[in-house]
Amino acid sequence: MTTLNKIALVTGAGSGVGRSCAIALAEAGYNVVLTGRRQQPIDELAATIGAAALAVATDVSNPDSVQALFARIEETFGRIDVVFNNAGTNTPSMSLDELSFEQWQTVVDTNLTGVFLCTREAFRLMKRQQPRGGRIINNGSISAYSPRPGSAPYTATKHAVTGLTKSTSLDGRKYDIACGQIDIGNAATDMTASMAKGVPQADGTMAPEPTMSVDNVARAVVFMADQPIDANVQSLTVMATKMPFIGRG
């Protein structure tokens, strides 16, 4: 049973997967720290959740901003129990040779460097807090296994997140820090709304794809978060049953 004094951080909490997971964690008894680049969406979510929520605008790609976030968490709560590294971005689908360096860098800064920076600060706090330890959950993607056409930056960062998850899991063992990864396929959010109209397929065609409720992701994240510290869900995939991933489509 989740205790009321457990503290969970959700990055990219202002919309989509992050918003749904933050609400689910609060309903499961966590105090939730909500972060996003813009203050208004996380303030609105905090008002929805109530007293269990703290909204702190943060640029996860900026080391100073992330350090300030964790200083605020320690000042307010004294510890952190769960970090859900969810914040992410993407580029429009395009051939690799058409990508600008700025587009590449933006995706890398958020999807990979942001996960590293939040993980680093979580490690520092989890190692010194009493009782020590905690859990880090990284949002990977089906793209961590297999790319979509025209998605080089996103796919590269999600493959890298898998490596970072494994390294975090290994390095965290002696400090009672567990780390796992959730890989999501076609959760229905604003980012996947275009799937109903059709998205590029590997054979060069455009085709609509099935989606699933984002609530399925939220339940999975709560399940991962609620494990005792001597157990870890290292990898979990939750996806729309009929999406074209397994087999040949």
Foldseek 3Di string as FASTA:
>chain_A
DDEQLAEEEFEPLLFDLNVLLQLLVLVVRYQYEYEEQDQVSQVVSCVVSDPSYHYDYADLLDLVRLLVVLVVVCVVRVAHAEYELDDFDFDPQDAPVPDDPVRLVVRCSRLASSLVSNLVSNQVRQQPGVVHEHEYEYEAALLLPPDFHRTVSNSVSSVVVLVVQVVSCVVCVVGLYHYAYEYEAAADTPVNPCLQVFDAGPVGDTHRFDHHHSNVVSVVVSVQRPDPSVDGDRYHYDYDPGGCDPDRD
